[in-house]
C-alpha cells in the first residue's frame, strides 16, 4: 500500500471535490496492489515512489478538472503500466485506488482485477 497527498488547482464544473474558493485544495490518495512476490534486482516488487511521483507530476502539476471517479480509474490504468515498466516480471492480480478531496466527507475507490 502507498498513500499520500497532493495539492492541485481545480477547474471545470465536474471536478473532484466540493471545495470552491480554495486555490489549491488538498487531495488524498491510497493505492493497494496485490501481486505475486516477484522481486526485481533491487529486492523490490516495484518502486513505490512511482505512486508518489505519479500523483505529484500528473495530477498536481496538471490540475484537477475531472471527477474523483474518473481520476481513480485513470490512475489505476496508468499505475498498472508504470509498475510493469518498472518490473516487467511482476504479476499484478488486483489494484485499488482511493481518492478524496478536502474538505472531506466522501471518497471513491476503484478496484480492478488483472
Protein backbone atom coordinates (compact mmCIF):
# COMPACT_ATOMS: atom_id res chain seq x y z
CA UNK A 1 0.00 0.00 0.00
CA UNK A 2 1.05 3.54 -0.68
CA UNK A 3 -0.85 6.64 0.35
CA UNK A 4 -0.23 10.35 0.33
CA UNK A 5 -1.47 13.81 -0.53
CA UNK A 6 -1.12 16.34 -3.28
CA UNK A 7 -2.38 19.86 -3.87
CA UNK A 8 -3.85 20.80 -7.23
CA UNK A 9 -5.83 23.57 -8.82
CA UNK A 10 -9.44 22.72 -9.64
CA UNK A 11 -11.25 23.75 -12.79
CA UNK A 12 -14.43 22.93 -14.63
CA UNK A 13 -17.88 22.08 -13.35
CA UNK A 14 -17.30 18.40 -12.58
CA UNK A 15 -14.00 18.36 -10.74
CA UNK A 16 -13.10 16.10 -7.83
CA UNK A 17 -14.03 17.68 -4.51
CA UNK A 18 -16.66 20.15 -3.40
CA UNK A 19 -14.33 22.96 -2.37
CA UNK A 20 -14.76 26.29 -4.07
CA UNK A 21 -12.67 29.34 -3.46
CA UNK A 22 -9.66 27.30 -2.32
CA UNK A 23 -6.84 27.91 -4.76
CA UNK A 24 -5.08 24.56 -4.23
CA UNK A 25 -7.18 22.11 -2.18
CA UNK A 26 -5.58 19.03 -0.67
CA UNK A 27 -6.30 15.64 -2.27
CA UNK A 28 -5.67 12.27 -0.60
CA UNK A 29 -4.90 9.02 -2.38
CA UNK A 30 -4.29 5.41 -1.46
CA UNK A 31 -3.12 2.64 -3.77
CA UNK A 32 -3.17 -1.08 -2.92
CA UNK A 33 -1.51 -3.54 -5.27
CA UNK A 34 -1.96 -7.28 -4.88
CA UNK A 35 0.65 -9.22 -6.81
CA UNK A 36 2.84 -12.28 -6.79
CA UNK A 37 6.10 -11.64 -4.90
CA UNK A 38 8.38 -11.43 -7.92
CA UNK A 39 11.32 -9.32 -6.77
CA UNK A 40 13.48 -7.24 -9.06
CA UNK A 41 17.28 -6.92 -8.84
CA UNK A 42 16.89 -4.33 -6.05
CA UNK A 43 14.80 -6.71 -3.97
CA UNK A 44 11.51 -4.86 -4.54
CA UNK A 45 8.29 -5.91 -6.19
CA UNK A 46 8.20 -2.39 -7.62
CA UNK A 47 9.47 1.05 -6.69
CA UNK A 48 6.67 2.50 -4.56
CA UNK A 49 7.93 6.04 -5.17
CA UNK A 50 6.38 5.60 -8.63
CA UNK A 51 2.99 6.10 -6.99
CA UNK A 52 4.03 9.31 -5.25
CA UNK A 53 5.70 10.68 -8.39
CA UNK A 54 2.64 9.82 -10.46
CA UNK A 55 0.24 11.82 -8.34
CA UNK A 56 2.67 14.70 -7.88
CA UNK A 57 3.58 15.05 -11.55
CA UNK A 58 0.39 14.04 -13.35
CA UNK A 59 -2.38 15.43 -11.15
CA UNK A 60 -0.72 18.08 -9.00
CA UNK A 61 1.05 19.65 -11.97
CA UNK A 62 -1.85 19.50 -14.41
CA UNK A 63 -4.65 20.35 -12.02
CA UNK A 64 -7.93 18.57 -11.45
CA UNK A 65 -10.79 19.06 -13.88
CA UNK A 66 -12.22 15.52 -13.71
CA UNK A 67 -14.39 13.71 -11.20
CA UNK A 68 -12.74 11.69 -8.43
CA UNK A 69 -14.17 8.57 -10.06
CA UNK A 70 -12.59 9.35 -13.43
CA UNK A 71 -9.23 10.12 -11.82
CA UNK A 72 -9.29 6.85 -9.82
CA UNK A 73 -9.99 4.80 -12.96
CA UNK A 74 -7.27 6.61 -14.94
CA UNK A 75 -4.77 6.30 -12.08
CA UNK A 76 -5.36 2.54 -11.88
CA UNK A 77 -4.63 2.11 -15.59
CA UNK A 78 -1.63 4.44 -15.56
CA UNK A 79 -0.08 2.92 -12.44
CA UNK A 80 -0.52 -0.59 -13.81
CA UNK A 81 1.56 0.40 -16.84
CA UNK A 82 4.17 2.23 -14.74
CA UNK A 83 4.61 -0.71 -12.38
CA UNK A 84 5.03 -3.17 -15.27
CA UNK A 85 7.59 -0.85 -16.85
CA UNK A 86 9.49 -0.79 -13.55
CA UNK A 87 9.37 -4.58 -13.08
CA UNK A 88 8.21 -6.45 -16.20
CA UNK A 89 8.20 -9.74 -14.27
CA UNK A 90 5.63 -8.67 -11.69
CA UNK A 91 2.19 -10.28 -11.95
CA UNK A 92 -0.42 -7.82 -10.69
CA UNK A 93 -3.62 -9.55 -9.68
CA UNK A 94 -5.64 -6.64 -8.33
CA UNK A 95 -5.28 -2.90 -7.76
CA UNK A 96 -7.36 -0.47 -5.72
CA UNK A 97 -7.12 3.31 -5.96
CA UNK A 98 -8.84 5.53 -3.38
CA UNK A 99 -9.23 9.27 -3.81
CA UNK A 100 -10.78 12.10 -1.83
CA UNK A 101 -10.53 15.86 -1.61
CA UNK A 102 -10.71 18.36 1.25
CA UNK A 103 -12.99 19.24 2.77
CA UNK A 104 -13.67 15.56 3.45
CA UNK A 105 -16.87 13.68 3.84
CA UNK A 106 -16.58 11.34 0.86
CA UNK A 107 -14.10 9.28 -1.09
CA UNK A 108 -14.17 6.94 -4.03
CA UNK A 109 -12.46 3.58 -4.51
CA UNK A 110 -11.91 1.95 -7.88
CA UNK A 111 -10.78 -1.68 -7.93
CA UNK A 112 -9.70 -3.70 -10.93
CA UNK A 113 -8.61 -7.31 -11.34
CA UNK A 114 -5.98 -8.06 -13.97
